[in-house]
């Protein structure tokens, strides 16, 4: 039997966790792969040099006004995002399992939220009548 909290078990495991207003997706295995991609990119000459340049810039004047195109940190982030994975594959039956799990948790959260609002309204009504 599969664990309903883990509707996707490959190629990257996705776990689900409800919270009062929605659902959290735990995609740690995917993030590990992305971080691996980033570290591998930083080990190349192109990105290693740019990372070194960021270290050199730390002593710069913090009040220096720079144009968006001149921001090396943001530029490096943008370029690293361009070379790492940004899409997580979910295959076949796992698509349905993930969708079902999200619907179940979302519906449960909406029911809890509605119940909480009704309870709060009832308390205000009771408090108002007692006053």
C-alpha atoms as a PDB file:
ATOM      1  CA  UNK A   1       0.000   0.000   0.000  1.00  0.00           C
ATOM      2  CA  UNK A   2       1.291   3.440  -0.818  1.00  0.00           C
ATOM      3  CA  UNK A   3       1.612   6.269   1.670  1.00  0.00           C
ATOM      4  CA  UNK A   4      -1.046   8.914   0.827  1.00  0.00           C
ATOM      5  CA  UNK A   5       1.296  11.636   2.127  1.00  0.00           C
ATOM      6  CA  UNK A   6       3.754  10.636  -0.638  1.00  0.00           C
ATOM      7  CA  UNK A   7       1.650  10.684  -3.818  1.00  0.00           C
ATOM      8  CA  UNK A   8       4.735  10.949  -6.053  1.00  0.00           C
ATOM      9  CA  UNK A   9       7.668   8.616  -5.463  1.00  0.00           C
ATOM     10  CA  UNK A  10       9.698   9.161  -8.610  1.00  0.00           C
ATOM     11  CA  UNK A  11      11.680  10.425 -10.293  1.00  0.00           C
ATOM     12  CA  UNK A  12      11.599  13.023  -7.500  1.00  0.00           C
ATOM     13  CA  UNK A  13       9.639  12.207  -4.365  1.00  0.00           C
ATOM     14  CA  UNK A  14       6.904  14.721  -3.456  1.00  0.00           C
ATOM     15  CA  UNK A  15       5.355  14.614  -0.006  1.00  0.00           C
ATOM     16  CA  UNK A  16       2.237  16.532   0.997  1.00  0.00           C
ATOM     17  CA  UNK A  17       1.406  18.106   4.328  1.00  0.00           C
ATOM     18  CA  UNK A  18      -1.831  19.909   5.067  1.00  0.00           C
ATOM     19  CA  UNK A  19      -1.912  23.141   7.023  1.00  0.00           C
ATOM     20  CA  UNK A  20      -4.934  25.252   7.961  1.00  0.00           C
ATOM     21  CA  UNK A  21      -5.107  27.291   4.773  1.00  0.00           C
ATOM     22  CA  UNK A  22      -3.663  24.908   2.197  1.00  0.00           C
ATOM     23  CA  UNK A  23      -1.142  22.211   1.401  1.00  0.00           C
ATOM     24  CA  UNK A  24       2.653  22.197   1.578  1.00  0.00           C
ATOM     25  CA  UNK A  25       4.573  20.216  -1.029  1.00  0.00           C
ATOM     26  CA  UNK A  26       7.909  18.851   0.168  1.00  0.00           C
ATOM     27  CA  UNK A  27      10.136  18.602  -2.914  1.00  0.00           C
ATOM     28  CA  UNK A  28      13.472  18.125  -1.153  1.00  0.00           C
ATOM     29  CA  UNK A  29      14.822  15.492  -3.606  1.00  0.00           C
ATOM     30  CA  UNK A  30      14.157  17.902  -6.495  1.00  0.00           C
ATOM     31  CA  UNK A  31      15.808  20.773  -4.621  1.00  0.00           C
ATOM     32  CA  UNK A  32      18.834  18.541  -3.937  1.00  0.00           C
ATOM     33  CA  UNK A  33      19.121  17.967  -7.689  1.00  0.00           C
ATOM     34  CA  UNK A  34      18.814  21.711  -8.371  1.00  0.00           C
ATOM     35  CA  UNK A  35      21.482  22.533  -5.781  1.00  0.00           C
ATOM     36  CA  UNK A  36      23.707  19.876  -7.342  1.00  0.00           C
ATOM     37  CA  UNK A  37      23.188  21.560 -10.722  1.00  0.00           C
ATOM     38  CA  UNK A  38      24.107  24.937  -9.204  1.00  0.00           C
ATOM     39  CA  UNK A  39      27.260  23.638  -7.526  1.00  0.00           C
ATOM     40  CA  UNK A  40      28.304  21.890 -10.741  1.00  0.00           C
ATOM     41  CA  UNK A  41      27.745  25.136 -12.664  1.00  0.00           C
ATOM     42  CA  UNK A  42      29.754  27.112 -10.092  1.00  0.00           C
ATOM     43  CA  UNK A  43      32.668  24.742 -10.655  1.00  0.00           C
ATOM     44  CA  UNK A  44      32.866  25.779 -14.310  1.00  0.00           C
ATOM     45  CA  UNK A  45      35.176  28.616 -15.348  1.00  0.00           C
ATOM     46  CA  UNK A  46      32.316  30.896 -16.395  1.00  0.00           C
ATOM     47  CA  UNK A  47      30.472  30.833 -13.089  1.00  0.00           C
ATOM     48  CA  UNK A  48      33.479  30.370 -10.785  1.00  0.00           C
ATOM     49  CA  UNK A  49      34.947  33.626 -12.088  1.00  0.00           C
ATOM     50  CA  UNK A  50      31.665  35.448 -11.568  1.00  0.00           C
ATOM     51  CA  UNK A  51      31.305  34.056  -8.039  1.00  0.00           C
ATOM     52  CA  UNK A  52      34.850  35.230  -7.307  1.00  0.00           C
ATOM     53  CA  UNK A  53      33.864  38.655  -8.571  1.00  0.00           C
ATOM     54  CA  UNK A  54      31.011  38.748  -6.055  1.00  0.00           C
ATOM     55  CA  UNK A  55      33.457  38.060  -3.221  1.00  0.00           C
ATOM     56  CA  UNK A  56      35.621  40.937  -4.439  1.00  0.00           C
ATOM     57  CA  UNK A  57      32.601  43.271  -4.476  1.00  0.00           C
ATOM     58  CA  UNK A  58      31.701  42.748  -0.827  1.00  0.00           C
ATOM     59  CA  UNK A  59      33.962  45.621   0.199  1.00  0.00           C
ATOM     60  CA  UNK A  60      32.209  48.073  -2.153  1.00  0.00           C
ATOM     61  CA  UNK A  61      30.382  51.201  -1.077  1.00  0.00           C
ATOM     62  CA  UNK A  62      26.901  50.106   0.123  1.00  0.00           C
ATOM     63  CA  UNK A  63      25.477  53.489  -0.938  1.00  0.00           C
ATOM     64  CA  UNK A  64      26.597  53.109  -4.541  1.00  0.00           C
ATOM     65  CA  UNK A  65      23.625  53.370  -6.887  1.00  0.00           C
ATOM     66  CA  UNK A  66      23.711  50.763  -9.640  1.00  0.00           C
ATOM     67  CA  UNK A  67      21.433  50.107 -12.582  1.00  0.00           C
ATOM     68  CA  UNK A  68      19.644  46.723 -12.652  1.00  0.00           C
ATOM     69  CA  UNK A  69      21.934  45.490 -15.432  1.00  0.00           C
ATOM     70  CA  UNK A  70      24.954  46.249 -13.242  1.00  0.00           C
ATOM     71  CA  UNK A  71      23.899  44.032 -10.328  1.00  0.00           C
ATOM     72  CA  UNK A  72      26.264  41.052 -10.425  1.00  0.00           C
ATOM     73  CA  UNK A  73      24.510  39.016  -7.709  1.00  0.00           C
ATOM     74  CA  UNK A  74      21.123  39.214  -9.410  1.00  0.00           C
ATOM     75  CA  UNK A  75      22.701  38.557 -12.792  1.00  0.00           C
ATOM     76  CA  UNK A  76      24.469  35.462 -11.474  1.00  0.00           C
ATOM     77  CA  UNK A  77      21.236  34.208  -9.920  1.00  0.00           C
ATOM     78  CA  UNK A  78      19.354  34.734 -13.193  1.00  0.00           C
ATOM     79  CA  UNK A  79      22.031  32.951 -15.195  1.00  0.00           C
ATOM     80  CA  UNK A  80      22.228  30.023 -12.743  1.00  0.00           C
ATOM     81  CA  UNK A  81      18.457  29.642 -12.861  1.00  0.00           C
ATOM     82  CA  UNK A  82      18.777  29.481 -16.642  1.00  0.00           C
ATOM     83  CA  UNK A  83      21.116  26.460 -16.415  1.00  0.00           C
ATOM     84  CA  UNK A  84      19.458  24.438 -13.627  1.00  0.00           C
ATOM     85  CA  UNK A  85      16.296  22.367 -13.611  1.00  0.00           C
ATOM     86  CA  UNK A  86      13.128  24.322 -13.058  1.00  0.00           C
ATOM     87  CA  UNK A  87      10.543  21.732 -14.048  1.00  0.00           C
ATOM     88  CA  UNK A  88       9.787  18.631 -12.022  1.00  0.00           C
ATOM     89  CA  UNK A  89       8.480  15.668 -13.990  1.00  0.00           C
ATOM     90  CA  UNK A  90       5.516  13.748 -12.616  1.00  0.00           C
ATOM     91  CA  UNK A  91       4.548  10.666 -14.597  1.00  0.00           C
ATOM     92  CA  UNK A  92       1.421   8.647 -15.339  1.00  0.00           C
ATOM     93  CA  UNK A  93      -0.563   7.498 -12.351  1.00  0.00           C
ATOM     94  CA  UNK A  94       1.484   9.730 -10.062  1.00  0.00           C
ATOM     95  CA  UNK A  95      -0.121  12.776 -11.716  1.00  0.00           C
ATOM     96  CA  UNK A  96      -3.526  11.482 -10.676  1.00  0.00           C
ATOM     97  CA  UNK A  97      -2.330  10.546  -7.190  1.00  0.00           C
ATOM     98  CA  UNK A  98      -0.860  14.014  -6.648  1.00  0.00           C
ATOM     99  CA  UNK A  99      -4.017  15.710  -7.941  1.00  0.00           C
ATOM    100  CA  UNK A 100      -6.225  13.505  -5.741  1.00  0.00           C
ATOM    101  CA  UNK A 101      -4.070  14.188  -2.689  1.00  0.00           C
ATOM    102  CA  UNK A 102      -4.105  17.935  -3.296  1.00  0.00           C
ATOM    103  CA  UNK A 103      -7.880  17.908  -3.736  1.00  0.00           C
ATOM    104  CA  UNK A 104      -8.396  15.900  -0.546  1.00  0.00           C
ATOM    105  CA  UNK A 105      -6.103  18.128   1.524  1.00  0.00           C
ATOM    106  CA  UNK A 106      -7.443  21.320  -0.024  1.00  0.00           C
ATOM    107  CA  UNK A 107     -11.038  20.280   0.619  1.00  0.00           C
ATOM    108  CA  UNK A 108     -10.186  19.254   4.196  1.00  0.00           C
ATOM    109  CA  UNK A 109      -8.529  22.641   4.737  1.00  0.00           C
ATOM    110  CA  UNK A 110     -11.563  24.471   3.362  1.00  0.00           C
ATOM    111  CA  UNK A 111     -13.854  22.469   5.652  1.00  0.00           C
ATOM    112  CA  UNK A 112     -11.639  23.259   8.674  1.00  0.00           C
ATOM    113  CA  UNK A 113     -11.510  26.928   7.689  1.00  0.00           C
ATOM    114  CA  UNK A 114     -15.291  27.080   7.314  1.00  0.00           C
ATOM    115  CA  UNK A 115     -15.758  25.333  10.665  1.00  0.00           C
ATOM    116  CA  UNK A 116     -13.315  27.771  12.310  1.00  0.00           C
ATOM    117  CA  UNK A 117     -15.155  30.779  10.837  1.00  0.00           C
ATOM    118  CA  UNK A 118     -18.506  29.413  11.998  1.00  0.00           C
ATOM    119  CA  UNK A 119     -17.135  28.767  15.482  1.00  0.00           C
ATOM    120  CA  UNK A 120     -15.712  32.314  15.651  1.00  0.00           C
ATOM    121  CA  UNK A 121     -19.038  33.767  14.464  1.00  0.00           C
ATOM    122  CA  UNK A 122     -20.898  31.710  17.061  1.00  0.00           C
ATOM    123  CA  UNK A 123     -18.570  32.988  19.797  1.00  0.00           C
ATOM    124  CA  UNK A 124     -19.134  36.585  18.702  1.00  0.00           C
ATOM    125  CA  UNK A 125     -22.901  36.023  18.660  1.00  0.00           C
ATOM    126  CA  UNK A 126     -22.857  34.406  22.110  1.00  0.00           C
ATOM    127  CA  UNK A 127     -20.562  37.155  23.429  1.00  0.00           C
ATOM    128  CA  UNK A 128     -22.818  39.846  21.990  1.00  0.00           C
ATOM    129  CA  UNK A 129     -25.966  38.296  23.449  1.00  0.00           C
ATOM    130  CA  UNK A 130     -24.376  37.958  26.885  1.00  0.00           C
ATOM    131  CA  UNK A 131     -23.246  41.583  26.939  1.00  0.00           C
END
